[in-house]
Amino acid sequence: MSIEMLTYAALGARLNISPQAARSLSRRLKLPRSLSDDGKALVSVDLAEIRHTPRPPRGRASSSALLAAKIEALKAEIARLETTATDHRADFERERERADRLAVELLQATAETTAAQEATARLEALKAEITRLETTAADHRADFERERERADRLAVELLQATAEIMAAKEMTARLEGEVAALRTGGRADGSIDSPEQAARRLGHLAATIVEADRKACR
């Protein structure tokens, strides 16, 4: 058993692998590590205990074939992604057009809703105005009915007053005729009344005055 302190490069050279592969191997085997005076990493290793068979180097032709296959696979993937992107672009354009149409429809619906709300507000205002006018008309109708009844009463009273005035005028004319007859002590044809006739005429005049006074007090 011979323990050696080797750098990763030296370990790779001893095992015929690259320094990176030697680093990975030492980590996988959990080999003790330390630092040299110049700051390089050293691993403690017993080469007799390490059984590592390096992979045979691949041929250039096989590497080129694998690389070409990868390139073709990448090209196919790129073509697939481009096709998918084209499909997504078409979907995007359709959805954008649909979104634009919906935005226009939304604006129209908003405008219609606003107009409907304004029309509803105007309708409510008109209803309130109609109610107010109906109330006012009802009040005016009541006033009209009261005034019409009052006018009817006044018309009746006017007719009564007119009839009474006409009767009073007629009575006044008769009284004036009677008074004139009494003053002259005779009739209109120039004849002289007897005392009895004068008394009757005077009584008739008194009755006429009483009747006129009663009518005036009604």
C-alpha atoms as a PDB file:
ATOM      1  CA  MET A   1       0.000   0.000   0.000  1.00  0.00           C
ATOM      2  CA  SER A   2       1.663   3.217  -1.256  1.00  0.00           C
ATOM      3  CA  ILE A   3      -0.088   6.538  -0.585  1.00  0.00           C
ATOM      4  CA  GLU A   4       0.780   9.371  -2.953  1.00  0.00           C
ATOM      5  CA  MET A   5      -0.082  13.033  -2.895  1.00  0.00           C
ATOM      6  CA  LEU A   6      -1.039  13.945  -6.462  1.00  0.00           C
ATOM      7  CA  THR A   7      -2.608  16.901  -8.181  1.00  0.00           C
ATOM      8  CA  TYR A   8      -5.623  16.341 -10.349  1.00  0.00           C
ATOM      9  CA  ALA A   9      -3.474  16.681 -13.456  1.00  0.00           C
ATOM     10  CA  ALA A  10      -0.955  14.118 -12.152  1.00  0.00           C
ATOM     11  CA  LEU A  11      -3.728  11.760 -11.117  1.00  0.00           C
ATOM     12  CA  GLY A  12      -5.275  12.057 -14.544  1.00  0.00           C
ATOM     13  CA  ALA A  13      -1.970  11.360 -16.230  1.00  0.00           C
ATOM     14  CA  ARG A  14      -1.443   8.253 -14.063  1.00  0.00           C
ATOM     15  CA  LEU A  15      -4.930   6.986 -14.825  1.00  0.00           C
ATOM     16  CA  ASN A  16      -4.918   8.132 -18.459  1.00  0.00           C
ATOM     17  CA  ILE A  17      -7.894  10.449 -17.934  1.00  0.00           C
ATOM     18  CA  SER A  18      -8.370  14.180 -18.037  1.00  0.00           C
ATOM     19  CA  PRO A  19      -7.833  16.384 -14.965  1.00  0.00           C
ATOM     20  CA  GLN A  20     -11.581  17.040 -14.837  1.00  0.00           C
ATOM     21  CA  ALA A  21     -12.270  13.322 -14.831  1.00  0.00           C
ATOM     22  CA  ALA A  22      -9.635  12.888 -12.083  1.00  0.00           C
ATOM     23  CA  ARG A  23     -11.368  15.583 -10.007  1.00  0.00           C
ATOM     24  CA  SER A  24     -14.723  13.866 -10.449  1.00  0.00           C
ATOM     25  CA  LEU A  25     -13.222  10.504  -9.572  1.00  0.00           C
ATOM     26  CA  SER A  26     -11.615  11.842  -6.390  1.00  0.00           C
ATOM     27  CA  ARG A  27     -14.909  13.364  -5.328  1.00  0.00           C
ATOM     28  CA  ARG A  28     -16.777  10.168  -6.070  1.00  0.00           C
ATOM     29  CA  LEU A  29     -14.229   8.113  -4.080  1.00  0.00           C
ATOM     30  CA  LYS A  30     -14.123  10.802  -1.349  1.00  0.00           C
ATOM     31  CA  LEU A  31     -10.321  10.930  -1.396  1.00  0.00           C
ATOM     32  CA  PRO A  32      -8.677  13.145   1.240  1.00  0.00           C
ATOM     33  CA  ARG A  33      -7.714  16.552  -0.140  1.00  0.00           C
ATOM     34  CA  SER A  34      -5.256  19.221   0.914  1.00  0.00           C
ATOM     35  CA  LEU A  35      -3.420  22.221  -0.511  1.00  0.00           C
ATOM     36  CA  SER A  36       0.195  22.394  -1.604  1.00  0.00           C
ATOM     37  CA  ASP A  37       2.514  25.299  -0.797  1.00  0.00           C
ATOM     38  CA  ASP A  38       1.710  26.891  -4.151  1.00  0.00           C
ATOM     39  CA  GLY A  39      -2.046  26.613  -3.507  1.00  0.00           C
ATOM     40  CA  LYS A  40      -2.787  23.632  -5.766  1.00  0.00           C
ATOM     41  CA  ALA A  41      -5.172  20.935  -4.638  1.00  0.00           C
ATOM     42  CA  LEU A  42      -3.611  17.578  -3.701  1.00  0.00           C
ATOM     43  CA  VAL A  43      -5.353  14.279  -3.124  1.00  0.00           C
ATOM     44  CA  SER A  44      -4.100  11.340  -1.086  1.00  0.00           C
ATOM     45  CA  VAL A  45      -4.488   8.263  -3.233  1.00  0.00           C
ATOM     46  CA  ASP A  46      -3.323   4.644  -3.371  1.00  0.00           C
ATOM     47  CA  LEU A  47      -3.263   3.845  -7.048  1.00  0.00           C
ATOM     48  CA  ALA A  48      -3.249   0.147  -6.326  1.00  0.00           C
ATOM     49  CA  GLU A  49      -6.709   0.404  -4.764  1.00  0.00           C
ATOM     50  CA  ILE A  50      -8.175   2.438  -7.590  1.00  0.00           C
ATOM     51  CA  ARG A  51      -9.691   0.314 -10.299  1.00  0.00           C
ATOM     52  CA  HIS A  52     -10.585   2.739 -13.023  1.00  0.00           C
ATOM     53  CA  THR A  53     -10.806   1.743 -16.637  1.00  0.00           C
ATOM     54  CA  PRO A  54     -10.795   4.758 -18.916  1.00  0.00           C
ATOM     55  CA  ARG A  55     -13.337   4.801 -21.656  1.00  0.00           C
ATOM     56  CA  PRO A  56     -11.889   4.147 -25.064  1.00  0.00           C
ATOM     57  CA  PRO A  57     -11.680   7.288 -27.139  1.00  0.00           C
ATOM     58  CA  ARG A  58     -14.425   7.567 -29.681  1.00  0.00           C
ATOM     59  CA  GLY A  59     -13.552   7.695 -33.298  1.00  0.00           C
ATOM     60  CA  ARG A  60     -13.743  10.895 -35.229  1.00  0.00           C
ATOM     61  CA  ALA A  61     -16.299   9.432 -37.603  1.00  0.00           C
ATOM     62  CA  SER A  62     -18.624   8.354 -34.835  1.00  0.00           C
ATOM     63  CA  SER A  63     -18.271  11.755 -33.157  1.00  0.00           C
ATOM     64  CA  SER A  64     -19.056  13.512 -36.438  1.00  0.00           C
ATOM     65  CA  ALA A  65     -22.048  11.251 -36.977  1.00  0.00           C
ATOM     66  CA  LEU A  66     -23.339  11.945 -33.472  1.00  0.00           C
ATOM     67  CA  LEU A  67     -22.759  15.651 -33.974  1.00  0.00           C
ATOM     68  CA  ALA A  68     -24.566  15.585 -37.312  1.00  0.00           C
ATOM     69  CA  ALA A  69     -27.427  13.642 -35.729  1.00  0.00           C
ATOM     70  CA  LYS A  70     -27.628  16.201 -32.941  1.00  0.00           C
ATOM     71  CA  ILE A  71     -27.579  19.016 -35.488  1.00  0.00           C
ATOM     72  CA  GLU A  72     -30.373  17.368 -37.479  1.00  0.00           C
ATOM     73  CA  ALA A  73     -32.342  16.793 -34.299  1.00  0.00           C
ATOM     74  CA  LEU A  74     -31.839  20.424 -33.340  1.00  0.00           C
ATOM     75  CA  LYS A  75     -32.906  21.553 -36.814  1.00  0.00           C
ATOM     76  CA  ALA A  76     -36.029  19.396 -36.566  1.00  0.00           C
ATOM     77  CA  GLU A  77     -36.748  20.815 -33.137  1.00  0.00           C
ATOM     78  CA  ILE A  78     -36.199  24.355 -34.457  1.00  0.00           C
ATOM     79  CA  ALA A  79     -38.552  23.647 -37.382  1.00  0.00           C
ATOM     80  CA  ARG A  80     -41.140  22.235 -34.957  1.00  0.00           C
ATOM     81  CA  LEU A  81     -40.782  25.252 -32.701  1.00  0.00           C
ATOM     82  CA  GLU A  82     -41.098  27.603 -35.677  1.00  0.00           C
ATOM     83  CA  THR A  83     -44.258  25.800 -36.790  1.00  0.00           C
ATOM     84  CA  THR A  84     -45.602  25.972 -33.254  1.00  0.00           C
ATOM     85  CA  ALA A  85     -44.644  29.651 -33.055  1.00  0.00           C
ATOM     86  CA  THR A  86     -46.408  30.273 -36.383  1.00  0.00           C
ATOM     87  CA  ASP A  87     -49.520  28.514 -35.072  1.00  0.00           C
ATOM     88  CA  HIS A  88     -49.317  30.500 -31.856  1.00  0.00           C
ATOM     89  CA  ARG A  89     -48.856  33.675 -33.877  1.00  0.00           C
ATOM     90  CA  ALA A  90     -51.981  32.869 -35.889  1.00  0.00           C
ATOM     91  CA  ASP A  91     -53.854  32.112 -32.656  1.00  0.00           C
ATOM     92  CA  PHE A  92     -52.557  35.377 -31.239  1.00  0.00           C
ATOM     93  CA  GLU A  93     -53.735  37.332 -34.274  1.00  0.00           C
ATOM     94  CA  ARG A  94     -57.180  35.701 -34.098  1.00  0.00           C
ATOM     95  CA  GLU A  95     -57.458  36.353 -30.389  1.00  0.00           C
ATOM     96  CA  ARG A  96     -56.285  39.937 -30.846  1.00  0.00           C
ATOM     97  CA  GLU A  97     -58.901  40.520 -33.554  1.00  0.00           C
ATOM     98  CA  ARG A  98     -61.501  38.904 -31.304  1.00  0.00           C
ATOM     99  CA  ALA A  99     -60.369  41.081 -28.400  1.00  0.00           C
ATOM    100  CA  ASP A 100     -60.625  44.176 -30.625  1.00  0.00           C
ATOM    101  CA  ARG A 101     -64.162  43.208 -31.670  1.00  0.00           C
ATOM    102  CA  LEU A 102     -65.121  42.556 -28.073  1.00  0.00           C
ATOM    103  CA  ALA A 103     -63.649  45.925 -27.062  1.00  0.00           C
ATOM    104  CA  VAL A 104     -65.756  47.658 -29.731  1.00  0.00           C
ATOM    105  CA  GLU A 105     -68.842  45.738 -28.635  1.00  0.00           C
ATOM    106  CA  LEU A 106     -68.093  46.611 -25.020  1.00  0.00           C
ATOM    107  CA  LEU A 107     -67.835  50.300 -25.893  1.00  0.00           C
ATOM    108  CA  GLN A 108     -71.109  50.104 -27.810  1.00  0.00           C
ATOM    109  CA  ALA A 109     -72.795  48.251 -24.954  1.00  0.00           C
ATOM    110  CA  THR A 110     -71.449  50.803 -22.484  1.00  0.00           C
ATOM    111  CA  ALA A 111     -72.749  53.656 -24.632  1.00  0.00           C
ATOM    112  CA  GLU A 112     -76.131  51.935 -24.986  1.00  0.00           C
ATOM    113  CA  THR A 113     -76.263  51.270 -21.248  1.00  0.00           C
ATOM    114  CA  THR A 114     -75.440  54.904 -20.532  1.00  0.00           C
ATOM    115  CA  ALA A 115     -78.088  56.066 -23.002  1.00  0.00           C
ATOM    116  CA  ALA A 116     -80.611  53.668 -21.449  1.00  0.00           C
ATOM    117  CA  GLN A 117     -79.799  54.960 -17.992  1.00  0.00           C
ATOM    118  CA  GLU A 118     -80.209  58.551 -19.179  1.00  0.00           C
ATOM    119  CA  ALA A 119     -83.498  57.643 -20.880  1.00  0.00           C
ATOM    120  CA  THR A 120     -84.667  55.920 -17.704  1.00  0.00           C
ATOM    121  CA  ALA A 121     -83.741  58.995 -15.681  1.00  0.00           C
ATOM    122  CA  ARG A 122     -85.631  61.222 -18.124  1.00  0.00           C
ATOM    123  CA  LEU A 123     -88.607  58.857 -17.989  1.00  0.00           C
ATOM    124  CA  GLU A 124     -88.620  58.965 -14.198  1.00  0.00           C
ATOM    125  CA  ALA A 125     -88.430  62.753 -14.332  1.00  0.00           C
ATOM    126  CA  LEU A 126     -91.351  62.823 -16.785  1.00  0.00           C
ATOM    127  CA  LYS A 127     -93.342  60.482 -14.547  1.00  0.00           C
ATOM    128  CA  ALA A 128     -92.699  62.750 -11.573  1.00  0.00           C
ATOM    129  CA  GLU A 129     -93.719  65.795 -13.652  1.00  0.00           C
ATOM    130  CA  ILE A 130     -96.887  64.021 -14.815  1.00  0.00           C
ATOM    131  CA  THR A 131     -97.735  63.138 -11.217  1.00  0.00           C
ATOM    132  CA  ARG A 132     -97.173  66.758 -10.184  1.00  0.00           C
ATOM    133  CA  LEU A 133     -99.319  68.030 -13.052  1.00  0.00           C
ATOM    134  CA  GLU A 134    -102.051  65.524 -12.226  1.00  0.00           C
ATOM    135  CA  THR A 135    -102.039  66.710  -8.622  1.00  0.00           C
ATOM    136  CA  THR A 136    -102.121  70.340  -9.759  1.00  0.00           C
ATOM    137  CA  ALA A 137    -104.923  69.553 -12.226  1.00  0.00           C
ATOM    138  CA  ALA A 138    -106.890  67.819  -9.481  1.00  0.00           C
ATOM    139  CA  ASP A 139    -106.452  70.882  -7.277  1.00  0.00           C
ATOM    140  CA  HIS A 140    -107.518  73.171 -10.125  1.00  0.00           C
ATOM    141  CA  ARG A 141    -110.464  70.875 -10.838  1.00  0.00           C
ATOM    142  CA  ALA A 142    -111.587  71.150  -7.221  1.00  0.00           C
ATOM    143  CA  ASP A 143    -111.168  74.930  -7.391  1.00  0.00           C
ATOM    144  CA  PHE A 144    -113.129  74.965 -10.655  1.00  0.00           C
ATOM    145  CA  GLU A 145    -115.959  72.910  -9.141  1.00  0.00           C
ATOM    146  CA  ARG A 146    -116.129  75.221  -6.138  1.00  0.00           C
ATOM    147  CA  GLU A 147    -116.120  78.318  -8.353  1.00  0.00           C
ATOM    148  CA  ARG A 148    -118.714  76.827 -10.665  1.00  0.00           C
ATOM    149  CA  GLU A 149    -121.003  76.064  -7.733  1.00  0.00           C
ATOM    150  CA  ARG A 150    -120.420  79.596  -6.444  1.00  0.00           C
ATOM    151  CA  ALA A 151    -121.141  81.021  -9.916  1.00  0.00           C
ATOM    152  CA  ASP A 152    -124.345  78.965 -10.093  1.00  0.00           C
ATOM    153  CA  ARG A 153    -125.422  80.310  -6.709  1.00  0.00           C
ATOM    154  CA  LEU A 154    -124.561  83.852  -7.764  1.00  0.00           C
ATOM    155  CA  ALA A 155    -126.487  83.376 -11.009  1.00  0.00           C
ATOM    156  CA  VAL A 156    -129.526  82.232  -9.068  1.00  0.00           C
ATOM    157  CA  GLU A 157    -129.129  85.129  -6.669  1.00  0.00           C
ATOM    158  CA  LEU A 158    -128.690  87.487  -9.619  1.00  0.00           C
ATOM    159  CA  LEU A 159    -131.868  86.216 -11.236  1.00  0.00           C
ATOM    160  CA  GLN A 160    -133.691  86.601  -7.941  1.00  0.00           C
ATOM    161  CA  ALA A 161    -132.275  90.086  -7.457  1.00  0.00           C
ATOM    162  CA  THR A 162    -133.207  91.016 -11.027  1.00  0.00           C
ATOM    163  CA  ALA A 163    -136.745  89.766 -10.506  1.00  0.00           C
ATOM    164  CA  GLU A 164    -136.957  91.615  -7.223  1.00  0.00           C
ATOM    165  CA  ILE A 165    -135.610  94.785  -8.840  1.00  0.00           C
ATOM    166  CA  MET A 166    -138.147  94.501 -11.635  1.00  0.00           C
ATOM    167  CA  ALA A 167    -140.911  93.921  -9.119  1.00  0.00           C
ATOM    168  CA  ALA A 168    -139.652  96.838  -7.042  1.00  0.00           C
ATOM    169  CA  LYS A 169    -139.641  99.050 -10.117  1.00  0.00           C
ATOM    170  CA  GLU A 170    -143.188  98.029 -10.927  1.00  0.00           C
ATOM    171  CA  MET A 171    -144.198  98.587  -7.309  1.00  0.00           C
ATOM    172  CA  THR A 172    -142.457 101.940  -7.303  1.00  0.00           C
ATOM    173  CA  ALA A 173    -144.317 102.941 -10.469  1.00  0.00           C
ATOM    174  CA  ARG A 174    -147.628 101.950  -8.934  1.00  0.00           C
ATOM    175  CA  LEU A 175    -146.781 103.769  -5.682  1.00  0.00           C
ATOM    176  CA  GLU A 176    -145.807 106.854  -7.590  1.00  0.00           C
ATOM    177  CA  GLY A 177    -149.111 106.654  -9.485  1.00  0.00           C
ATOM    178  CA  GLU A 178    -151.053 106.216  -6.253  1.00  0.00           C
ATOM    179  CA  VAL A 179    -149.186 109.053  -4.539  1.00  0.00           C
ATOM    180  CA  ALA A 180    -149.760 111.311  -7.487  1.00  0.00           C
ATOM    181  CA  ALA A 181    -153.443 110.421  -7.431  1.00  0.00           C
ATOM    182  CA  LEU A 182    -153.694 111.136  -3.734  1.00  0.00           C
ATOM    183  CA  ARG A 183    -151.938 114.451  -4.172  1.00  0.00           C
ATOM    184  CA  THR A 184    -154.289 115.557  -6.851  1.00  0.00           C
ATOM    185  CA  GLY A 185    -157.247 114.085  -5.044  1.00  0.00           C
ATOM    186  CA  GLY A 186    -158.619 112.704  -8.260  1.00  0.00           C
ATOM    187  CA  ARG A 187    -158.161 110.302 -11.045  1.00  0.00           C
ATOM    188  CA  ALA A 188    -156.118 110.534 -14.139  1.00  0.00           C
ATOM    189  CA  ASP A 189    -159.195 111.481 -16.215  1.00  0.00           C
ATOM    190  CA  GLY A 190    -159.753 114.595 -14.028  1.00  0.00           C
ATOM    191  CA  SER A 191    -162.699 113.285 -11.961  1.00  0.00           C
ATOM    192  CA  ILE A 192    -162.710 113.781  -8.195  1.00  0.00           C
ATOM    193  CA  ASP A 193    -162.696 110.702  -5.905  1.00  0.00           C
ATOM    194  CA  SER A 194    -165.162 110.451  -3.117  1.00  0.00           C
ATOM    195  CA  PRO A 195    -163.898 110.195   0.461  1.00  0.00           C
ATOM    196  CA  GLU A 196    -164.607 106.460   0.383  1.00  0.00           C
ATOM    197  CA  GLN A 197    -162.622 106.027  -2.805  1.00  0.00           C
ATOM    198  CA  ALA A 198    -159.780 108.085  -1.437  1.00  0.00           C
ATOM    199  CA  ALA A 199    -159.732 105.951   1.727  1.00  0.00           C
ATOM    200  CA  ARG A 200    -159.664 102.764  -0.340  1.00  0.00           C
ATOM    201  CA  ARG A 201    -156.903 104.158  -2.501  1.00  0.00           C
ATOM    202  CA  LEU A 202    -154.955 105.100   0.640  1.00  0.00           C
ATOM    203  CA  GLY A 203    -155.448 101.610   2.097  1.00  0.00           C
ATOM    204  CA  HIS A 204    -154.364 100.056  -1.155  1.00  0.00           C
ATOM    205  CA  LEU A 205    -151.287 102.282  -1.145  1.00  0.00           C
ATOM    206  CA  ALA A 206    -150.441 101.204   2.426  1.00  0.00           C
ATOM    207  CA  ALA A 207    -150.853  97.538   1.496  1.00  0.00           C
ATOM    208  CA  THR A 208    -148.621  98.039  -1.504  1.00  0.00           C
ATOM    209  CA  ILE A 209    -145.968  99.694   0.681  1.00  0.00           C
ATOM    210  CA  VAL A 210    -146.131  96.832   3.211  1.00  0.00           C
ATOM    211  CA  GLU A 211    -145.816  94.248   0.420  1.00  0.00           C
ATOM    212  CA  ALA A 212    -142.823  96.082  -1.066  1.00  0.00           C
ATOM    213  CA  ASP A 213    -141.193  96.271   2.340  1.00  0.00           C
ATOM    214  CA  ARG A 214    -141.672  92.523   2.867  1.00  0.00           C
ATOM    215  CA  LYS A 215    -140.118  91.743  -0.464  1.00  0.00           C
ATOM    216  CA  ALA A 216    -137.204  94.002   0.327  1.00  0.00           C
ATOM    217  CA  CYS A 217    -136.617  92.172   3.632  1.00  0.00           C
ATOM    218  CA  ARG A 218    -136.492  88.725   2.045  1.00  0.00           C
END
